[in-house]
Amino acid sequence: MGNGERTVAFTQMKDGTRDDYLLLEELEKPYLALTADRVLDELKRQAEATLPGYRITRAGHGLQAATRAEAQGADIDWIVGALLHDIGDGLAPQNHDRFSAEVIRPFVRWEVAWVVGHHGIFQMLYYAHHYGWDRHARDRFRDHPCFQVCADFCERWDQASFDPDFPTKPIAHFEPMVRAVFARKAHDPEVIREGVVTGLPAL
């Protein structure tokens, strides 16, 4: 490393000293503070590098889902969850739901992360039969407390959000919400509320 950068002394983690790890902790803080910037950059990339064949980009799809969520009275966790539910498409297109959930999991309610992490199999209801797959594969989660919430998420915000004529709000509108969510203390039990299911707002 050059330019006077401070680095640890070790080349194997097992050889690190307390001073090494305190340095890493110090240097990690500003990097972690930029998580929202990196997420927003990825969302912007999805407006350019996107899955072909659809009538809107992946960014447009996330923005449309978030616009619908906000219009229906959803809170910030659901809006950001809807916005970023496909954020994993770029790096993990064949496991995008789990990838996307892990991005938001430390900062949103447990039910939101669960829904984002499982929406892929729930979405199969709408198309799997065209490929000869089991469109009811999601029924394996029928007894899970988030089953109906995930079904509602897919019906109201995910599968419905591929309309190029829908009045969709821009990234700038949602940016303060993304920054507020990622500014939270990671894994805060008061935020996560594991096991608590409130569901989507009533229509």
C-alpha atoms as a PDB file:
ATOM      1  CA  MET A   1       0.000   0.000   0.000  1.00  0.00           C
ATOM      2  CA  GLY A   2       1.211   3.502  -0.752  1.00  0.00           C
ATOM      3  CA  ASN A   3       0.285   7.106  -0.136  1.00  0.00           C
ATOM      4  CA  GLY A   4       0.844   6.821   3.595  1.00  0.00           C
ATOM      5  CA  GLU A   5      -2.195   4.600   4.158  1.00  0.00           C
ATOM      6  CA  ARG A   6      -2.351   2.979   7.558  1.00  0.00           C
ATOM      7  CA  THR A   7      -2.504  -0.789   7.376  1.00  0.00           C
ATOM      8  CA  VAL A   8      -2.322  -3.749   9.687  1.00  0.00           C
ATOM      9  CA  ALA A   9       0.981  -5.542  10.160  1.00  0.00           C
ATOM     10  CA  PHE A  10      -0.313  -9.072   9.654  1.00  0.00           C
ATOM     11  CA  THR A  11      -0.557 -11.175   6.512  1.00  0.00           C
ATOM     12  CA  GLN A  12      -2.616 -13.847   8.250  1.00  0.00           C
ATOM     13  CA  MET A  13      -5.570 -12.891  10.429  1.00  0.00           C
ATOM     14  CA  LYS A  14      -4.463 -15.238  13.205  1.00  0.00           C
ATOM     15  CA  ASP A  15      -1.346 -13.104  13.662  1.00  0.00           C
ATOM     16  CA  GLY A  16      -3.236  -9.841  14.148  1.00  0.00           C
ATOM     17  CA  THR A  17      -2.724  -7.856  17.329  1.00  0.00           C
ATOM     18  CA  ARG A  18      -5.240  -5.850  19.314  1.00  0.00           C
ATOM     19  CA  ASP A  19      -3.825  -2.689  17.750  1.00  0.00           C
ATOM     20  CA  ASP A  20      -4.339  -4.159  14.288  1.00  0.00           C
ATOM     21  CA  TYR A  21      -7.976  -4.909  14.967  1.00  0.00           C
ATOM     22  CA  LEU A  22      -8.633  -1.574  16.640  1.00  0.00           C
ATOM     23  CA  LEU A  23      -7.236   0.085  13.508  1.00  0.00           C
ATOM     24  CA  LEU A  24      -9.552  -1.980  11.307  1.00  0.00           C
ATOM     25  CA  GLU A  25     -12.505  -1.060  13.492  1.00  0.00           C
ATOM     26  CA  GLU A  26     -11.646   2.619  13.159  1.00  0.00           C
ATOM     27  CA  LEU A  27     -11.204   2.452   9.378  1.00  0.00           C
ATOM     28  CA  GLU A  28     -14.359   0.404   8.897  1.00  0.00           C
ATOM     29  CA  LYS A  29     -16.681   3.073  10.272  1.00  0.00           C
ATOM     30  CA  PRO A  30     -16.528   5.513   7.332  1.00  0.00           C
ATOM     31  CA  TYR A  31     -16.764   2.582   4.918  1.00  0.00           C
ATOM     32  CA  LEU A  32     -19.912   1.301   6.603  1.00  0.00           C
ATOM     33  CA  ALA A  33     -21.341   4.822   6.549  1.00  0.00           C
ATOM     34  CA  LEU A  34     -21.230   4.700   2.746  1.00  0.00           C
ATOM     35  CA  THR A  35     -23.377   1.564   2.449  1.00  0.00           C
ATOM     36  CA  ALA A  36     -26.404   3.552   1.330  1.00  0.00           C
ATOM     37  CA  ASP A  37     -24.329   5.193  -1.402  1.00  0.00           C
ATOM     38  CA  ARG A  38     -23.235   1.815  -2.735  1.00  0.00           C
ATOM     39  CA  VAL A  39     -26.794   0.480  -2.676  1.00  0.00           C
ATOM     40  CA  LEU A  40     -28.099   3.540  -4.503  1.00  0.00           C
ATOM     41  CA  ASP A  41     -25.283   3.229  -7.058  1.00  0.00           C
ATOM     42  CA  GLU A  42     -26.322  -0.372  -7.696  1.00  0.00           C
ATOM     43  CA  LEU A  43     -29.936   0.685  -8.139  1.00  0.00           C
ATOM     44  CA  LYS A  44     -28.822   3.293 -10.676  1.00  0.00           C
ATOM     45  CA  ARG A  45     -26.787   0.642 -12.515  1.00  0.00           C
ATOM     46  CA  GLN A  46     -29.952  -1.424 -12.821  1.00  0.00           C
ATOM     47  CA  ALA A  47     -31.364   1.362 -14.957  1.00  0.00           C
ATOM     48  CA  GLU A  48     -28.667   0.582 -17.533  1.00  0.00           C
ATOM     49  CA  ALA A  49     -27.458  -3.013 -17.127  1.00  0.00           C
ATOM     50  CA  THR A  50     -30.740  -4.874 -16.853  1.00  0.00           C
ATOM     51  CA  LEU A  51     -32.455  -8.142 -17.693  1.00  0.00           C
ATOM     52  CA  PRO A  52     -33.564  -8.119 -21.338  1.00  0.00           C
ATOM     53  CA  GLY A  53     -37.098  -8.755 -22.517  1.00  0.00           C
ATOM     54  CA  TYR A  54     -39.030  -6.784 -19.941  1.00  0.00           C
ATOM     55  CA  ARG A  55     -40.737  -3.536 -20.866  1.00  0.00           C
ATOM     56  CA  ILE A  56     -39.024  -1.692 -18.009  1.00  0.00           C
ATOM     57  CA  THR A  57     -35.599  -1.906 -16.376  1.00  0.00           C
ATOM     58  CA  ARG A  58     -34.957  -3.610 -13.057  1.00  0.00           C
ATOM     59  CA  ALA A  59     -34.501  -0.175 -11.514  1.00  0.00           C
ATOM     60  CA  GLY A  60     -37.847   0.862 -12.983  1.00  0.00           C
ATOM     61  CA  HIS A  61     -39.446  -2.258 -11.526  1.00  0.00           C
ATOM     62  CA  GLY A  62     -38.093  -1.559  -8.033  1.00  0.00           C
ATOM     63  CA  LEU A  63     -39.105   2.088  -8.237  1.00  0.00           C
ATOM     64  CA  GLN A  64     -42.581   1.148  -9.388  1.00  0.00           C
ATOM     65  CA  ALA A  65     -43.007  -1.386  -6.588  1.00  0.00           C
ATOM     66  CA  ALA A  66     -41.864   1.211  -4.049  1.00  0.00           C
ATOM     67  CA  THR A  67     -44.177   3.831  -5.547  1.00  0.00           C
ATOM     68  CA  ARG A  68     -47.107   1.449  -5.171  1.00  0.00           C
ATOM     69  CA  ALA A  69     -46.105   0.591  -1.616  1.00  0.00           C
ATOM     70  CA  GLU A  70     -45.915   4.249  -0.625  1.00  0.00           C
ATOM     71  CA  ALA A  71     -49.220   5.070  -2.312  1.00  0.00           C
ATOM     72  CA  GLN A  72     -50.879   2.279  -0.339  1.00  0.00           C
ATOM     73  CA  GLY A  73     -49.677   3.660   2.986  1.00  0.00           C
ATOM     74  CA  ALA A  74     -46.682   1.421   3.616  1.00  0.00           C
ATOM     75  CA  ASP A  75     -44.081   2.462   6.159  1.00  0.00           C
ATOM     76  CA  ILE A  76     -40.423   3.106   5.407  1.00  0.00           C
ATOM     77  CA  ASP A  77     -39.332  -0.515   5.924  1.00  0.00           C
ATOM     78  CA  TRP A  78     -41.818  -1.805   3.377  1.00  0.00           C
ATOM     79  CA  ILE A  79     -41.082   0.987   0.906  1.00  0.00           C
ATOM     80  CA  VAL A  80     -37.335   0.377   1.017  1.00  0.00           C
ATOM     81  CA  GLY A  81     -37.942  -3.380   0.936  1.00  0.00           C
ATOM     82  CA  ALA A  82     -40.072  -2.983  -2.173  1.00  0.00           C
ATOM     83  CA  LEU A  83     -37.518  -0.675  -3.765  1.00  0.00           C
ATOM     84  CA  LEU A  84     -34.601  -3.058  -3.172  1.00  0.00           C
ATOM     85  CA  HIS A  85     -36.308  -6.444  -3.422  1.00  0.00           C
ATOM     86  CA  ASP A  86     -34.456  -7.192  -6.681  1.00  0.00           C
ATOM     87  CA  ILE A  87     -31.209  -5.357  -5.903  1.00  0.00           C
ATOM     88  CA  GLY A  88     -29.406  -8.707  -6.076  1.00  0.00           C
ATOM     89  CA  ASP A  89     -30.221  -9.272  -9.738  1.00  0.00           C
ATOM     90  CA  GLY A  90     -26.877  -7.924 -10.902  1.00  0.00           C
ATOM     91  CA  LEU A  91     -24.554 -10.163  -8.880  1.00  0.00           C
ATOM     92  CA  ALA A  92     -26.836 -13.075  -8.004  1.00  0.00           C
ATOM     93  CA  PRO A  93     -29.503 -13.368 -10.708  1.00  0.00           C
ATOM     94  CA  GLN A  94     -30.208 -17.007  -9.863  1.00  0.00           C
ATOM     95  CA  ASN A  95     -30.458 -16.359  -6.141  1.00  0.00           C
ATOM     96  CA  HIS A  96     -31.437 -12.702  -6.194  1.00  0.00           C
ATOM     97  CA  ASP A  97     -34.144 -12.882  -3.554  1.00  0.00           C
ATOM     98  CA  ARG A  98     -31.834 -14.218  -0.830  1.00  0.00           C
ATOM     99  CA  PHE A  99     -29.058 -11.848  -1.891  1.00  0.00           C
ATOM    100  CA  SER A 100     -31.393  -8.849  -1.769  1.00  0.00           C
ATOM    101  CA  ALA A 101     -32.681  -9.862   1.650  1.00  0.00           C
ATOM    102  CA  GLU A 102     -29.169 -10.032   3.067  1.00  0.00           C
ATOM    103  CA  VAL A 103     -28.475  -6.480   1.890  1.00  0.00           C
ATOM    104  CA  ILE A 104     -31.366  -5.077   3.922  1.00  0.00           C
ATOM    105  CA  ARG A 105     -31.634  -7.643   6.729  1.00  0.00           C
ATOM    106  CA  PRO A 106     -29.554  -5.784   9.353  1.00  0.00           C
ATOM    107  CA  PHE A 107     -31.641  -2.628   8.992  1.00  0.00           C
ATOM    108  CA  VAL A 108     -35.316  -3.557   8.513  1.00  0.00           C
ATOM    109  CA  ARG A 109     -37.987  -5.530  10.312  1.00  0.00           C
ATOM    110  CA  TRP A 110     -37.655  -9.284  10.304  1.00  0.00           C
ATOM    111  CA  GLU A 111     -40.865  -9.771   8.327  1.00  0.00           C
ATOM    112  CA  VAL A 112     -39.679  -7.431   5.554  1.00  0.00           C
ATOM    113  CA  ALA A 113     -36.372  -9.278   5.180  1.00  0.00           C
ATOM    114  CA  TRP A 114     -38.200 -12.630   5.208  1.00  0.00           C
ATOM    115  CA  VAL A 115     -40.591 -11.529   2.488  1.00  0.00           C
ATOM    116  CA  VAL A 116     -37.808 -10.153   0.295  1.00  0.00           C
ATOM    117  CA  GLY A 117     -35.808 -13.338   0.841  1.00  0.00           C
ATOM    118  CA  HIS A 118     -38.684 -15.559  -0.251  1.00  0.00           C
ATOM    119  CA  HIS A 119     -40.487 -13.514  -2.887  1.00  0.00           C
ATOM    120  CA  GLY A 120     -38.804 -15.459  -5.689  1.00  0.00           C
ATOM    121  CA  ILE A 121     -40.571 -18.718  -4.942  1.00  0.00           C
ATOM    122  CA  PHE A 122     -43.829 -16.899  -4.213  1.00  0.00           C
ATOM    123  CA  GLN A 123     -43.671 -15.146  -7.589  1.00  0.00           C
ATOM    124  CA  MET A 124     -43.601 -18.546  -9.297  1.00  0.00           C
ATOM    125  CA  LEU A 125     -47.368 -18.662  -8.854  1.00  0.00           C
ATOM    126  CA  TYR A 126     -47.665 -16.333 -11.829  1.00  0.00           C
ATOM    127  CA  TYR A 127     -45.390 -18.023 -14.351  1.00  0.00           C
ATOM    128  CA  ALA A 128     -43.898 -21.371 -13.291  1.00  0.00           C
ATOM    129  CA  HIS A 129     -46.533 -23.470 -15.086  1.00  0.00           C
ATOM    130  CA  HIS A 130     -45.401 -22.015 -18.418  1.00  0.00           C
ATOM    131  CA  TYR A 131     -42.054 -23.764 -17.895  1.00  0.00           C
ATOM    132  CA  GLY A 132     -43.534 -26.977 -16.539  1.00  0.00           C
ATOM    133  CA  TRP A 133     -42.516 -26.071 -12.990  1.00  0.00           C
ATOM    134  CA  ASP A 134     -44.569 -26.167  -9.805  1.00  0.00           C
ATOM    135  CA  ARG A 135     -46.363 -22.840  -9.534  1.00  0.00           C
ATOM    136  CA  HIS A 136     -47.479 -23.769  -6.002  1.00  0.00           C
ATOM    137  CA  ALA A 137     -43.960 -24.420  -4.694  1.00  0.00           C
ATOM    138  CA  ARG A 138     -44.515 -21.640  -2.165  1.00  0.00           C
ATOM    139  CA  ASP A 139     -47.030 -23.838  -0.355  1.00  0.00           C
ATOM    140  CA  ARG A 140     -44.142 -25.411   1.525  1.00  0.00           C
ATOM    141  CA  PHE A 141     -44.232 -22.185   3.596  1.00  0.00           C
ATOM    142  CA  ARG A 142     -47.994 -22.307   4.138  1.00  0.00           C
ATOM    143  CA  ASP A 143     -47.603 -22.584   7.919  1.00  0.00           C
ATOM    144  CA  HIS A 144     -45.060 -19.777   8.203  1.00  0.00           C
ATOM    145  CA  PRO A 145     -46.372 -16.591   9.858  1.00  0.00           C
ATOM    146  CA  CYS A 146     -45.151 -14.495   6.898  1.00  0.00           C
ATOM    147  CA  PHE A 147     -46.849 -16.617   4.221  1.00  0.00           C
ATOM    148  CA  GLN A 148     -49.799 -14.324   3.608  1.00  0.00           C
ATOM    149  CA  VAL A 149     -47.672 -11.204   3.889  1.00  0.00           C
ATOM    150  CA  CYS A 150     -45.339 -12.480   1.173  1.00  0.00           C
ATOM    151  CA  ALA A 151     -48.296 -13.487  -1.001  1.00  0.00           C
ATOM    152  CA  ASP A 152     -49.738  -9.988  -0.600  1.00  0.00           C
ATOM    153  CA  PHE A 153     -46.382  -8.357  -1.349  1.00  0.00           C
ATOM    154  CA  CYS A 154     -46.112 -10.282  -4.585  1.00  0.00           C
ATOM    155  CA  GLU A 155     -49.696  -9.652  -5.654  1.00  0.00           C
ATOM    156  CA  ARG A 156     -49.870  -5.964  -4.822  1.00  0.00           C
ATOM    157  CA  TRP A 157     -46.357  -4.665  -5.399  1.00  0.00           C
ATOM    158  CA  ASP A 158     -44.124  -7.140  -7.226  1.00  0.00           C
ATOM    159  CA  GLN A 159     -46.013  -8.899 -10.009  1.00  0.00           C
ATOM    160  CA  ALA A 160     -48.013  -5.743 -10.750  1.00  0.00           C
ATOM    161  CA  SER A 161     -44.995  -3.473 -11.283  1.00  0.00           C
ATOM    162  CA  PHE A 162     -43.948  -3.979 -14.894  1.00  0.00           C
ATOM    163  CA  ASP A 163     -46.021  -1.203 -16.446  1.00  0.00           C
ATOM    164  CA  PRO A 164     -44.040   1.353 -18.491  1.00  0.00           C
ATOM    165  CA  ASP A 165     -46.962   3.783 -18.303  1.00  0.00           C
ATOM    166  CA  PHE A 166     -47.321   3.736 -14.524  1.00  0.00           C
ATOM    167  CA  PRO A 167     -46.463   7.122 -12.903  1.00  0.00           C
ATOM    168  CA  THR A 168     -43.361   5.995 -11.055  1.00  0.00           C
ATOM    169  CA  LYS A 169     -41.420   8.196  -8.656  1.00  0.00           C
ATOM    170  CA  PRO A 170     -37.678   8.669  -9.314  1.00  0.00           C
ATOM    171  CA  ILE A 171     -34.751   7.417  -7.284  1.00  0.00           C
ATOM    172  CA  ALA A 172     -34.282  10.883  -5.796  1.00  0.00           C
ATOM    173  CA  HIS A 173     -37.670  10.616  -4.117  1.00  0.00           C
ATOM    174  CA  PHE A 174     -36.679   7.425  -2.286  1.00  0.00           C
ATOM    175  CA  GLU A 175     -33.047   8.295  -1.593  1.00  0.00           C
ATOM    176  CA  PRO A 176     -33.727   9.910   1.824  1.00  0.00           C
ATOM    177  CA  MET A 177     -35.614   6.771   2.900  1.00  0.00           C
ATOM    178  CA  VAL A 178     -32.757   4.504   1.818  1.00  0.00           C
ATOM    179  CA  ARG A 179     -30.272   6.685   3.686  1.00  0.00           C
ATOM    180  CA  ALA A 180     -32.447   6.721   6.807  1.00  0.00           C
ATOM    181  CA  VAL A 181     -32.778   2.938   6.851  1.00  0.00           C
ATOM    182  CA  PHE A 182     -29.080   2.246   6.292  1.00  0.00           C
ATOM    183  CA  ALA A 183     -28.152   4.819   8.923  1.00  0.00           C
ATOM    184  CA  ARG A 184     -29.826   2.667  11.580  1.00  0.00           C
ATOM    185  CA  LYS A 185     -27.778   0.634  14.026  1.00  0.00           C
ATOM    186  CA  ALA A 186     -27.300  -2.750  12.382  1.00  0.00           C
ATOM    187  CA  HIS A 187     -29.156  -5.695  13.917  1.00  0.00           C
ATOM    188  CA  ASP A 188     -30.944  -3.505  16.462  1.00  0.00           C
ATOM    189  CA  PRO A 189     -33.536  -5.780  18.138  1.00  0.00           C
ATOM    190  CA  GLU A 190     -35.927  -2.845  18.464  1.00  0.00           C
ATOM    191  CA  VAL A 191     -35.856  -2.469  14.679  1.00  0.00           C
ATOM    192  CA  ILE A 192     -35.702  -6.146  13.712  1.00  0.00           C
ATOM    193  CA  ARG A 193     -38.585  -7.262  15.950  1.00  0.00           C
ATOM    194  CA  GLU A 194     -37.999 -10.902  15.127  1.00  0.00           C
ATOM    195  CA  GLY A 195     -41.159 -12.975  14.982  1.00  0.00           C
ATOM    196  CA  VAL A 196     -43.471  -9.960  14.816  1.00  0.00           C
ATOM    197  CA  VAL A 197     -45.750  -9.869  11.752  1.00  0.00           C
ATOM    198  CA  THR A 198     -47.721  -6.707  11.087  1.00  0.00           C
ATOM    199  CA  GLY A 199     -48.446  -7.332   7.428  1.00  0.00           C
ATOM    200  CA  LEU A 200     -48.969  -4.895   4.585  1.00  0.00           C
ATOM    201  CA  PRO A 201     -51.198  -1.856   5.107  1.00  0.00           C
ATOM    202  CA  ALA A 202     -54.879  -2.538   4.552  1.00  0.00           C
ATOM    203  CA  LEU A 203     -56.351  -1.404   1.265  1.00  0.00           C
END
